[in-house]
N, C-alpha and C. Protein backbone atom coordinates (compact mmCIF):
# COMPACT_ATOMS: atom_id res chain seq x y z
N MET A 1 -58.46 -40.70 -38.71
CA MET A 1 -59.68 -40.94 -39.46
C MET A 1 -60.06 -39.67 -40.26
N ARG A 2 -59.89 -38.51 -39.63
CA ARG A 2 -60.23 -37.25 -40.30
C ARG A 2 -59.36 -37.04 -41.54
N THR A 3 -58.08 -37.39 -41.47
CA THR A 3 -57.17 -37.26 -42.59
C THR A 3 -57.62 -38.13 -43.76
N ILE A 4 -58.05 -39.33 -43.47
CA ILE A 4 -58.53 -40.24 -44.53
C ILE A 4 -59.77 -39.65 -45.18
N PHE A 5 -60.69 -39.10 -44.39
CA PHE A 5 -61.90 -38.48 -44.93
C PHE A 5 -61.57 -37.33 -45.87
N VAL A 6 -60.64 -36.48 -45.47
CA VAL A 6 -60.23 -35.34 -46.30
C VAL A 6 -59.60 -35.84 -47.60
N LEU A 7 -58.76 -36.84 -47.51
CA LEU A 7 -58.14 -37.41 -48.70
C LEU A 7 -59.20 -37.98 -49.65
N ILE A 8 -60.15 -38.70 -49.13
CA ILE A 8 -61.23 -39.27 -49.95
C ILE A 8 -62.03 -38.14 -50.59
N LEU A 9 -62.32 -37.10 -49.85
CA LEU A 9 -63.06 -35.97 -50.38
C LEU A 9 -62.31 -35.30 -51.53
N ILE A 10 -61.02 -35.09 -51.38
CA ILE A 10 -60.20 -34.47 -52.44
C ILE A 10 -60.17 -35.36 -53.67
N LEU A 11 -59.95 -36.65 -53.49
CA LEU A 11 -59.93 -37.57 -54.63
C LEU A 11 -61.28 -37.61 -55.34
N THR A 12 -62.36 -37.62 -54.59
CA THR A 12 -63.70 -37.65 -55.18
C THR A 12 -63.96 -36.38 -55.99
N MET A 13 -63.56 -35.24 -55.46
CA MET A 13 -63.76 -33.97 -56.19
C MET A 13 -62.99 -34.00 -57.51
N ASN A 14 -61.77 -34.51 -57.50
CA ASN A 14 -60.98 -34.57 -58.72
C ASN A 14 -61.61 -35.52 -59.74
N GLN A 15 -62.16 -36.63 -59.30
CA GLN A 15 -62.74 -37.60 -60.21
C GLN A 15 -64.10 -37.16 -60.75
N THR A 16 -64.81 -36.32 -60.04
CA THR A 16 -66.14 -35.90 -60.50
C THR A 16 -66.08 -34.62 -61.32
N GLY A 17 -64.91 -34.15 -61.62
CA GLY A 17 -64.79 -33.02 -62.52
C GLY A 17 -64.90 -31.66 -61.87
N HIS A 18 -64.74 -31.58 -60.59
CA HIS A 18 -64.82 -30.28 -59.93
C HIS A 18 -63.55 -29.45 -60.09
N THR A 19 -62.55 -30.03 -60.71
CA THR A 19 -61.37 -29.24 -61.01
C THR A 19 -61.64 -28.53 -62.33
N GLN A 20 -61.17 -27.33 -62.47
CA GLN A 20 -61.43 -26.52 -63.66
C GLN A 20 -60.38 -26.77 -64.73
N ASP A 21 -60.81 -27.35 -65.84
CA ASP A 21 -59.95 -27.45 -67.00
C ASP A 21 -60.30 -26.28 -67.89
N LYS A 22 -59.29 -25.69 -68.52
CA LYS A 22 -59.52 -24.55 -69.40
C LYS A 22 -60.24 -25.03 -70.65
N VAL A 23 -61.32 -24.35 -70.98
CA VAL A 23 -62.07 -24.68 -72.19
C VAL A 23 -61.28 -24.21 -73.39
N SER A 24 -61.19 -25.05 -74.40
CA SER A 24 -60.51 -24.70 -75.63
C SER A 24 -61.38 -25.12 -76.81
N PHE A 25 -60.92 -24.82 -78.00
CA PHE A 25 -61.60 -25.25 -79.22
C PHE A 25 -61.81 -26.76 -79.19
N TYR A 26 -60.84 -27.46 -78.62
CA TYR A 26 -60.89 -28.92 -78.57
C TYR A 26 -61.97 -29.46 -77.63
N SER A 27 -62.59 -28.60 -76.85
CA SER A 27 -63.63 -29.03 -75.92
C SER A 27 -64.97 -29.27 -76.63
N PHE A 28 -65.06 -28.88 -77.90
CA PHE A 28 -66.34 -28.91 -78.61
C PHE A 28 -66.42 -30.04 -79.63
N LYS A 29 -67.66 -30.33 -79.99
CA LYS A 29 -67.95 -31.31 -81.03
C LYS A 29 -68.79 -30.61 -82.10
N ALA A 30 -68.78 -31.14 -83.29
CA ALA A 30 -69.57 -30.60 -84.38
C ALA A 30 -70.08 -31.77 -85.21
N THR A 31 -70.80 -31.44 -86.25
CA THR A 31 -71.29 -32.44 -87.19
C THR A 31 -70.89 -32.00 -88.58
N THR A 32 -70.31 -32.91 -89.36
CA THR A 32 -69.90 -32.55 -90.71
C THR A 32 -71.14 -32.29 -91.57
N ILE A 33 -70.92 -31.67 -92.70
CA ILE A 33 -72.01 -31.37 -93.62
C ILE A 33 -72.68 -32.65 -94.11
N ASP A 34 -71.98 -33.79 -94.00
CA ASP A 34 -72.54 -35.09 -94.37
C ASP A 34 -73.22 -35.80 -93.19
N GLY A 35 -73.30 -35.12 -92.03
CA GLY A 35 -74.00 -35.68 -90.89
C GLY A 35 -73.17 -36.55 -89.97
N GLN A 36 -71.85 -36.55 -90.13
CA GLN A 36 -70.98 -37.35 -89.27
C GLN A 36 -70.49 -36.53 -88.08
N PRO A 37 -70.53 -37.09 -86.87
CA PRO A 37 -70.01 -36.37 -85.71
C PRO A 37 -68.50 -36.22 -85.81
N VAL A 38 -68.00 -35.09 -85.35
CA VAL A 38 -66.56 -34.86 -85.33
C VAL A 38 -66.19 -34.18 -84.02
N ASP A 39 -65.19 -34.74 -83.36
CA ASP A 39 -64.65 -34.15 -82.15
C ASP A 39 -63.60 -33.15 -82.62
N LEU A 40 -63.77 -31.88 -82.26
CA LEU A 40 -62.85 -30.86 -82.75
C LEU A 40 -61.43 -31.04 -82.22
N SER A 41 -61.26 -31.90 -81.22
CA SER A 41 -59.90 -32.21 -80.76
C SER A 41 -59.13 -32.99 -81.82
N SER A 42 -59.82 -33.49 -82.84
CA SER A 42 -59.12 -34.20 -83.92
C SER A 42 -58.24 -33.25 -84.74
N PHE A 43 -58.37 -31.93 -84.50
CA PHE A 43 -57.56 -30.94 -85.20
C PHE A 43 -56.37 -30.46 -84.35
N LYS A 44 -56.09 -31.17 -83.25
CA LYS A 44 -54.98 -30.78 -82.37
C LYS A 44 -53.69 -30.64 -83.16
N GLY A 45 -52.92 -29.61 -82.81
CA GLY A 45 -51.63 -29.38 -83.43
C GLY A 45 -51.67 -28.54 -84.70
N LYS A 46 -52.87 -28.13 -85.11
CA LYS A 46 -53.01 -27.31 -86.32
C LYS A 46 -53.52 -25.93 -85.97
N LYS A 47 -53.10 -24.95 -86.73
CA LYS A 47 -53.77 -23.65 -86.69
C LYS A 47 -55.08 -23.85 -87.42
N ILE A 48 -56.14 -23.20 -86.92
CA ILE A 48 -57.47 -23.40 -87.48
C ILE A 48 -58.09 -22.05 -87.78
N LEU A 49 -58.63 -21.91 -88.97
CA LEU A 49 -59.41 -20.73 -89.35
C LEU A 49 -60.85 -21.17 -89.44
N VAL A 50 -61.68 -20.67 -88.51
CA VAL A 50 -63.10 -21.00 -88.46
C VAL A 50 -63.86 -19.87 -89.15
N VAL A 51 -64.75 -20.21 -90.08
CA VAL A 51 -65.47 -19.21 -90.87
C VAL A 51 -66.94 -19.56 -90.93
N ASN A 52 -67.81 -18.59 -90.60
CA ASN A 52 -69.24 -18.79 -90.83
C ASN A 52 -69.54 -18.37 -92.27
N THR A 53 -70.14 -19.27 -93.03
CA THR A 53 -70.29 -19.08 -94.46
C THR A 53 -71.77 -18.94 -94.87
N ALA A 54 -71.98 -18.47 -96.10
CA ALA A 54 -73.32 -18.36 -96.68
C ALA A 54 -73.20 -18.36 -98.20
N SER A 55 -74.17 -18.93 -98.86
CA SER A 55 -74.13 -19.10 -100.32
C SER A 55 -74.67 -17.92 -101.12
N LYS A 56 -75.43 -17.05 -100.48
CA LYS A 56 -76.08 -15.96 -101.21
C LYS A 56 -75.72 -14.59 -100.62
N CYS A 57 -74.43 -14.39 -100.39
CA CYS A 57 -73.93 -13.20 -99.73
C CYS A 57 -72.96 -12.49 -100.66
N GLY A 58 -72.81 -11.20 -100.49
CA GLY A 58 -71.82 -10.46 -101.26
C GLY A 58 -70.41 -10.96 -101.01
N TYR A 59 -70.18 -11.60 -99.85
CA TYR A 59 -68.86 -12.14 -99.53
C TYR A 59 -68.68 -13.60 -99.96
N THR A 60 -69.71 -14.20 -100.55
CA THR A 60 -69.64 -15.60 -100.97
C THR A 60 -68.42 -15.91 -101.84
N PRO A 61 -67.97 -15.00 -102.71
CA PRO A 61 -66.75 -15.29 -103.49
C PRO A 61 -65.51 -15.56 -102.63
N GLN A 62 -65.58 -15.26 -101.32
CA GLN A 62 -64.46 -15.60 -100.43
C GLN A 62 -64.23 -17.11 -100.37
N TYR A 63 -65.24 -17.90 -100.75
CA TYR A 63 -65.02 -19.35 -100.81
C TYR A 63 -63.80 -19.66 -101.68
N ALA A 64 -63.67 -18.96 -102.81
CA ALA A 64 -62.54 -19.19 -103.71
C ALA A 64 -61.21 -18.86 -103.02
N GLN A 65 -61.18 -17.75 -102.27
CA GLN A 65 -59.96 -17.36 -101.56
C GLN A 65 -59.67 -18.32 -100.40
N LEU A 66 -60.72 -18.77 -99.73
CA LEU A 66 -60.54 -19.75 -98.66
C LEU A 66 -59.92 -21.03 -99.22
N GLU A 67 -60.43 -21.48 -100.36
CA GLU A 67 -59.89 -22.69 -100.98
C GLU A 67 -58.45 -22.47 -101.43
N GLU A 68 -58.15 -21.30 -101.97
CA GLU A 68 -56.77 -20.95 -102.36
C GLU A 68 -55.84 -21.02 -101.15
N LEU A 69 -56.29 -20.45 -100.03
CA LEU A 69 -55.52 -20.47 -98.79
C LEU A 69 -55.32 -21.90 -98.30
N TYR A 70 -56.37 -22.69 -98.37
CA TYR A 70 -56.31 -24.08 -97.92
C TYR A 70 -55.35 -24.89 -98.78
N LYS A 71 -55.39 -24.68 -100.09
CA LYS A 71 -54.48 -25.41 -100.98
C LYS A 71 -53.03 -25.00 -100.73
N ALA A 72 -52.81 -23.74 -100.41
CA ALA A 72 -51.44 -23.26 -100.19
C ALA A 72 -50.88 -23.71 -98.85
N TYR A 73 -51.70 -23.74 -97.78
CA TYR A 73 -51.17 -23.96 -96.44
C TYR A 73 -51.79 -25.14 -95.69
N GLY A 74 -52.91 -25.66 -96.20
CA GLY A 74 -53.59 -26.76 -95.51
C GLY A 74 -52.75 -28.02 -95.47
N GLY A 75 -52.99 -28.82 -94.48
CA GLY A 75 -52.24 -30.06 -94.32
C GLY A 75 -52.02 -30.36 -92.86
N ASP A 76 -50.78 -30.69 -92.52
CA ASP A 76 -50.46 -31.09 -91.15
C ASP A 76 -50.51 -29.96 -90.15
N SER A 77 -50.37 -28.70 -90.62
CA SER A 77 -50.26 -27.61 -89.65
C SER A 77 -51.35 -26.54 -89.76
N PHE A 78 -52.26 -26.65 -90.73
CA PHE A 78 -53.31 -25.64 -90.90
C PHE A 78 -54.55 -26.26 -91.52
N VAL A 79 -55.71 -25.80 -91.05
CA VAL A 79 -56.98 -26.23 -91.62
C VAL A 79 -57.99 -25.09 -91.56
N ILE A 80 -58.88 -25.07 -92.50
CA ILE A 80 -60.03 -24.15 -92.51
C ILE A 80 -61.25 -24.99 -92.23
N ILE A 81 -62.14 -24.50 -91.39
CA ILE A 81 -63.39 -25.20 -91.13
C ILE A 81 -64.54 -24.22 -91.37
N GLY A 82 -65.41 -24.56 -92.31
CA GLY A 82 -66.56 -23.73 -92.63
C GLY A 82 -67.80 -24.17 -91.87
N PHE A 83 -68.52 -23.18 -91.34
CA PHE A 83 -69.78 -23.42 -90.64
C PHE A 83 -70.87 -22.61 -91.31
N PRO A 84 -71.65 -23.21 -92.22
CA PRO A 84 -72.74 -22.47 -92.85
C PRO A 84 -73.73 -21.99 -91.79
N ALA A 85 -74.25 -20.78 -92.00
CA ALA A 85 -75.21 -20.19 -91.06
C ALA A 85 -76.19 -19.32 -91.83
N ASN A 86 -77.41 -19.30 -91.37
CA ASN A 86 -78.47 -18.54 -92.04
C ASN A 86 -78.93 -17.36 -91.17
N ASN A 87 -78.00 -16.73 -90.47
CA ASN A 87 -78.35 -15.68 -89.52
C ASN A 87 -78.48 -14.29 -90.11
N PHE A 88 -78.06 -14.07 -91.33
CA PHE A 88 -78.05 -12.73 -91.90
C PHE A 88 -78.85 -12.69 -93.20
N LEU A 89 -80.00 -12.06 -93.12
CA LEU A 89 -80.88 -11.86 -94.29
C LEU A 89 -81.16 -13.14 -95.06
N SER A 90 -81.25 -14.25 -94.36
CA SER A 90 -81.56 -15.55 -94.99
C SER A 90 -80.64 -15.86 -96.17
N GLN A 91 -79.35 -15.56 -96.00
CA GLN A 91 -78.40 -15.74 -97.09
C GLN A 91 -77.83 -17.16 -97.19
N GLU A 92 -78.27 -18.04 -96.29
CA GLU A 92 -77.93 -19.45 -96.41
C GLU A 92 -79.18 -20.29 -96.15
N PRO A 93 -80.12 -20.26 -97.12
CA PRO A 93 -81.39 -20.95 -96.92
C PRO A 93 -81.33 -22.45 -97.21
N GLY A 94 -80.27 -22.93 -97.84
CA GLY A 94 -80.20 -24.31 -98.31
C GLY A 94 -80.08 -25.35 -97.21
N THR A 95 -80.33 -26.59 -97.61
CA THR A 95 -80.11 -27.74 -96.74
C THR A 95 -78.61 -28.08 -96.79
N ASN A 96 -78.17 -28.94 -95.89
CA ASN A 96 -76.76 -29.34 -95.92
C ASN A 96 -76.35 -29.94 -97.27
N PRO A 97 -77.15 -30.85 -97.86
CA PRO A 97 -76.76 -31.37 -99.19
C PRO A 97 -76.71 -30.27 -100.26
N GLU A 98 -77.61 -29.32 -100.21
CA GLU A 98 -77.60 -28.21 -101.19
C GLU A 98 -76.36 -27.32 -100.99
N ILE A 99 -76.02 -27.06 -99.74
CA ILE A 99 -74.85 -26.24 -99.44
C ILE A 99 -73.58 -26.96 -99.92
N LYS A 100 -73.50 -28.24 -99.65
CA LYS A 100 -72.33 -29.02 -100.08
C LYS A 100 -72.21 -28.98 -101.60
N GLU A 101 -73.31 -29.19 -102.30
CA GLU A 101 -73.29 -29.17 -103.77
C GLU A 101 -72.84 -27.81 -104.28
N PHE A 102 -73.34 -26.74 -103.67
CA PHE A 102 -72.95 -25.38 -104.07
C PHE A 102 -71.45 -25.17 -103.86
N CYS A 103 -70.96 -25.52 -102.69
CA CYS A 103 -69.54 -25.29 -102.35
C CYS A 103 -68.60 -26.09 -103.24
N THR A 104 -68.93 -27.34 -103.46
CA THR A 104 -68.04 -28.17 -104.27
C THR A 104 -68.23 -27.89 -105.76
N GLY A 105 -69.45 -27.65 -106.18
CA GLY A 105 -69.73 -27.42 -107.60
C GLY A 105 -69.25 -26.07 -108.11
N LYS A 106 -69.50 -25.03 -107.34
CA LYS A 106 -69.14 -23.68 -107.80
C LYS A 106 -67.73 -23.26 -107.40
N TYR A 107 -67.27 -23.68 -106.20
CA TYR A 107 -65.98 -23.20 -105.69
C TYR A 107 -64.95 -24.31 -105.45
N ASN A 108 -65.29 -25.55 -105.78
CA ASN A 108 -64.36 -26.68 -105.59
C ASN A 108 -63.81 -26.75 -104.18
N VAL A 109 -64.65 -26.48 -103.19
CA VAL A 109 -64.22 -26.49 -101.79
C VAL A 109 -63.80 -27.89 -101.37
N THR A 110 -62.60 -27.98 -100.81
CA THR A 110 -62.11 -29.25 -100.27
C THR A 110 -61.84 -29.19 -98.77
N PHE A 111 -61.87 -27.98 -98.18
CA PHE A 111 -61.66 -27.88 -96.74
C PHE A 111 -62.92 -28.37 -96.02
N PRO A 112 -62.79 -28.80 -94.77
CA PRO A 112 -63.93 -29.36 -94.04
C PRO A 112 -65.09 -28.35 -93.89
N MET A 113 -66.27 -28.81 -94.23
CA MET A 113 -67.50 -28.04 -94.02
C MET A 113 -68.35 -28.79 -93.01
N MET A 114 -68.91 -28.03 -92.08
CA MET A 114 -69.77 -28.61 -91.06
C MET A 114 -71.23 -28.38 -91.41
N SER A 115 -72.11 -28.99 -90.66
CA SER A 115 -73.55 -28.79 -90.82
C SER A 115 -73.92 -27.35 -90.48
N LYS A 116 -75.00 -26.89 -91.05
CA LYS A 116 -75.49 -25.53 -90.81
C LYS A 116 -75.84 -25.37 -89.34
N ILE A 117 -75.39 -24.24 -88.78
CA ILE A 117 -75.64 -23.92 -87.37
C ILE A 117 -76.10 -22.47 -87.27
N SER A 118 -76.37 -22.03 -86.05
CA SER A 118 -76.65 -20.62 -85.78
C SER A 118 -75.42 -20.02 -85.11
N VAL A 119 -75.02 -18.83 -85.56
CA VAL A 119 -73.82 -18.19 -85.02
C VAL A 119 -74.15 -16.95 -84.17
N LYS A 120 -75.44 -16.73 -83.93
CA LYS A 120 -75.84 -15.63 -83.03
C LYS A 120 -77.26 -15.88 -82.54
N GLY A 121 -77.66 -15.12 -81.54
CA GLY A 121 -79.02 -15.22 -81.03
C GLY A 121 -79.24 -16.37 -80.07
N LYS A 122 -80.51 -16.64 -79.80
CA LYS A 122 -80.90 -17.66 -78.82
C LYS A 122 -80.46 -19.06 -79.21
N GLU A 123 -80.37 -19.32 -80.50
CA GLU A 123 -80.02 -20.65 -81.01
C GLU A 123 -78.51 -20.81 -81.25
N MET A 124 -77.70 -19.86 -80.81
CA MET A 124 -76.26 -19.87 -81.08
C MET A 124 -75.61 -21.18 -80.64
N ASP A 125 -74.82 -21.74 -81.53
CA ASP A 125 -74.08 -22.96 -81.25
C ASP A 125 -73.08 -22.70 -80.11
N PRO A 126 -72.89 -23.66 -79.20
CA PRO A 126 -71.95 -23.46 -78.08
C PRO A 126 -70.54 -23.07 -78.53
N LEU A 127 -70.06 -23.61 -79.66
CA LEU A 127 -68.74 -23.23 -80.15
C LEU A 127 -68.70 -21.74 -80.42
N TYR A 128 -69.74 -21.20 -81.03
CA TYR A 128 -69.76 -19.77 -81.34
C TYR A 128 -69.95 -18.92 -80.10
N LYS A 129 -70.59 -19.45 -79.06
CA LYS A 129 -70.63 -18.72 -77.78
C LYS A 129 -69.21 -18.55 -77.26
N TRP A 130 -68.42 -19.62 -77.37
CA TRP A 130 -67.02 -19.57 -76.92
C TRP A 130 -66.22 -18.62 -77.80
N LEU A 131 -66.37 -18.71 -79.11
CA LEU A 131 -65.61 -17.87 -80.03
C LEU A 131 -65.90 -16.38 -79.86
N THR A 132 -67.11 -16.03 -79.50
CA THR A 132 -67.54 -14.63 -79.51
C THR A 132 -67.55 -13.96 -78.15
N THR A 133 -67.24 -14.68 -77.08
CA THR A 133 -67.36 -14.13 -75.74
C THR A 133 -66.04 -14.18 -74.98
N LYS A 134 -65.52 -13.01 -74.62
CA LYS A 134 -64.24 -12.93 -73.90
C LYS A 134 -64.28 -13.74 -72.60
N GLU A 135 -65.40 -13.71 -71.93
CA GLU A 135 -65.54 -14.45 -70.68
C GLU A 135 -65.27 -15.94 -70.90
N GLN A 136 -65.57 -16.43 -72.11
CA GLN A 136 -65.34 -17.85 -72.40
C GLN A 136 -64.01 -18.11 -73.11
N ASN A 137 -63.64 -17.27 -74.08
CA ASN A 137 -62.42 -17.54 -74.86
C ASN A 137 -61.17 -16.92 -74.25
N GLY A 138 -61.35 -16.00 -73.29
CA GLY A 138 -60.23 -15.40 -72.59
C GLY A 138 -59.47 -14.32 -73.33
N VAL A 139 -59.89 -13.96 -74.54
CA VAL A 139 -59.15 -13.00 -75.35
C VAL A 139 -59.96 -11.76 -75.68
N MET A 140 -61.15 -11.94 -76.27
CA MET A 140 -61.91 -10.78 -76.69
C MET A 140 -63.37 -11.14 -76.98
N ASP A 141 -64.22 -10.13 -76.86
CA ASP A 141 -65.58 -10.27 -77.36
C ASP A 141 -65.51 -10.05 -78.87
N ALA A 142 -66.10 -10.94 -79.63
CA ALA A 142 -66.04 -10.86 -81.09
C ALA A 142 -67.36 -11.31 -81.70
N PRO A 143 -68.46 -10.58 -81.38
CA PRO A 143 -69.75 -11.00 -81.92
C PRO A 143 -69.71 -11.05 -83.44
N VAL A 144 -70.39 -12.03 -84.01
CA VAL A 144 -70.41 -12.18 -85.46
C VAL A 144 -71.22 -11.04 -86.05
N LYS A 145 -70.56 -10.27 -86.91
CA LYS A 145 -71.19 -9.10 -87.54
C LYS A 145 -71.89 -9.46 -88.84
N TRP A 146 -71.39 -10.48 -89.55
CA TRP A 146 -71.94 -10.85 -90.85
C TRP A 146 -71.34 -12.18 -91.27
N ASN A 147 -71.74 -12.66 -92.41
CA ASN A 147 -71.17 -13.89 -92.98
C ASN A 147 -69.68 -13.70 -93.27
N PHE A 148 -68.94 -14.77 -93.17
CA PHE A 148 -67.50 -14.83 -93.48
C PHE A 148 -66.62 -14.10 -92.47
N GLN A 149 -67.08 -14.05 -91.22
CA GLN A 149 -66.19 -13.61 -90.15
C GLN A 149 -65.25 -14.77 -89.85
N LYS A 150 -63.99 -14.46 -89.61
CA LYS A 150 -62.97 -15.50 -89.46
C LYS A 150 -62.39 -15.48 -88.05
N PHE A 151 -62.28 -16.65 -87.45
CA PHE A 151 -61.73 -16.80 -86.11
C PHE A 151 -60.47 -17.63 -86.20
N MET A 152 -59.42 -17.17 -85.55
CA MET A 152 -58.12 -17.85 -85.59
C MET A 152 -57.87 -18.59 -84.28
N ILE A 153 -57.56 -19.87 -84.42
CA ILE A 153 -57.31 -20.75 -83.28
C ILE A 153 -55.89 -21.29 -83.43
N ASP A 154 -55.11 -21.23 -82.36
CA ASP A 154 -53.72 -21.70 -82.45
C ASP A 154 -53.63 -23.23 -82.33
N GLU A 155 -52.41 -23.73 -82.41
CA GLU A 155 -52.17 -25.18 -82.39
C GLU A 155 -52.55 -25.84 -81.08
N ASN A 156 -52.76 -25.03 -80.04
CA ASN A 156 -53.16 -25.56 -78.74
C ASN A 156 -54.66 -25.44 -78.48
N GLY A 157 -55.40 -25.02 -79.51
CA GLY A 157 -56.85 -24.91 -79.38
C GLY A 157 -57.30 -23.63 -78.72
N GLN A 158 -56.42 -22.64 -78.63
CA GLN A 158 -56.76 -21.37 -77.99
C GLN A 158 -57.13 -20.32 -79.02
N PHE A 159 -58.14 -19.55 -78.71
CA PHE A 159 -58.57 -18.43 -79.54
C PHE A 159 -57.46 -17.37 -79.52
N VAL A 160 -57.06 -16.89 -80.70
CA VAL A 160 -56.02 -15.86 -80.74
C VAL A 160 -56.46 -14.57 -81.42
N GLY A 161 -57.52 -14.62 -82.22
CA GLY A 161 -57.96 -13.39 -82.88
C GLY A 161 -59.07 -13.62 -83.87
N MET A 162 -59.50 -12.51 -84.45
CA MET A 162 -60.63 -12.53 -85.37
C MET A 162 -60.33 -11.60 -86.53
N ALA A 163 -60.83 -11.98 -87.70
CA ALA A 163 -60.76 -11.12 -88.88
C ALA A 163 -62.20 -10.84 -89.30
N PRO A 164 -62.53 -9.58 -89.54
CA PRO A 164 -63.91 -9.23 -89.89
C PRO A 164 -64.31 -9.78 -91.26
N PRO A 165 -65.61 -9.85 -91.52
CA PRO A 165 -66.10 -10.40 -92.78
C PRO A 165 -65.46 -9.80 -94.03
N GLY A 166 -65.21 -8.50 -94.04
CA GLY A 166 -64.65 -7.85 -95.21
C GLY A 166 -63.17 -8.10 -95.45
N GLU A 167 -62.47 -8.65 -94.45
CA GLU A 167 -61.04 -8.95 -94.64
C GLU A 167 -60.93 -10.25 -95.43
N VAL A 168 -60.27 -10.18 -96.57
CA VAL A 168 -60.18 -11.37 -97.42
C VAL A 168 -59.32 -12.43 -96.73
N PRO A 169 -59.65 -13.70 -96.96
CA PRO A 169 -58.91 -14.78 -96.32
C PRO A 169 -57.42 -14.80 -96.66
N THR A 170 -57.07 -14.26 -97.80
CA THR A 170 -55.67 -14.26 -98.23
C THR A 170 -54.94 -12.97 -97.85
N SER A 171 -55.50 -12.22 -96.90
CA SER A 171 -54.87 -10.97 -96.46
C SER A 171 -53.49 -11.25 -95.88
N ASP A 172 -52.62 -10.25 -95.94
CA ASP A 172 -51.27 -10.39 -95.37
C ASP A 172 -51.34 -10.77 -93.90
N ARG A 173 -52.29 -10.20 -93.18
CA ARG A 173 -52.40 -10.46 -91.74
C ARG A 173 -52.70 -11.94 -91.47
N ILE A 174 -53.65 -12.51 -92.21
CA ILE A 174 -54.01 -13.93 -92.01
C ILE A 174 -52.87 -14.84 -92.46
N VAL A 175 -52.28 -14.55 -93.61
CA VAL A 175 -51.17 -15.37 -94.10
C VAL A 175 -49.97 -15.31 -93.15
N THR A 176 -49.67 -14.13 -92.63
CA THR A 176 -48.58 -13.99 -91.65
C THR A 176 -48.87 -14.82 -90.42
N TRP A 177 -50.12 -14.79 -89.95
CA TRP A 177 -50.50 -15.59 -88.78
C TRP A 177 -50.29 -17.08 -89.07
N ILE A 178 -50.71 -17.53 -90.24
CA ILE A 178 -50.54 -18.96 -90.59
C ILE A 178 -49.06 -19.32 -90.59
N LYS A 179 -48.24 -18.47 -91.17
CA LYS A 179 -46.80 -18.76 -91.30
C LYS A 179 -46.03 -18.63 -90.00
N THR A 180 -46.37 -17.61 -89.18
CA THR A 180 -45.55 -17.29 -88.01
C THR A 180 -46.26 -17.45 -86.67
N GLY A 181 -47.59 -17.48 -86.70
CA GLY A 181 -48.35 -17.51 -85.45
C GLY A 181 -48.54 -16.14 -84.83
N LYS A 182 -48.07 -15.10 -85.51
CA LYS A 182 -48.16 -13.73 -84.98
C LYS A 182 -49.23 -12.95 -85.70
N LEU A 183 -50.01 -12.21 -84.92
CA LEU A 183 -51.02 -11.29 -85.48
C LEU A 183 -50.50 -9.86 -85.32
N ASN A 184 -50.68 -9.05 -86.34
CA ASN A 184 -50.26 -7.64 -86.20
C ASN A 184 -51.45 -6.76 -86.09
């Protein structure tokens, strides 16, 4: 009887989620800039460059380089995902429709853009807590320093590195990572 009880207890623990699954990029959900829910696991099998963006920043011209990178490498194995944020000097004050109009009208952005979120502070989006905290991502602490910080996620949904806001999206380091999966 005791053996049956132990077996039932083990099975119950497994079914109620007490087993630890490793958190990955795919564990999160987001909302597109058009208000549609998206499960980030829909990007499985692709390298992902996650970027917090802003329309009124000195780095805003990086939208053009991001689009260039996306046109060159985007498709079945690579995607860029933009997350507008208004955390730095109110440099992204617009609404989602205004941000979308700016991105498509001025920079012809075709890579996926998500709804505006917070990338630091008390209101920080759970995805950015994972991206910026070694305890959660298993690789490094990478607090967002400014707009256009770039986070690299491998094909398995694991955090592999970060590029600071001033590093252009078309840098040799980022392009090498896209092509080979290696960071130098």
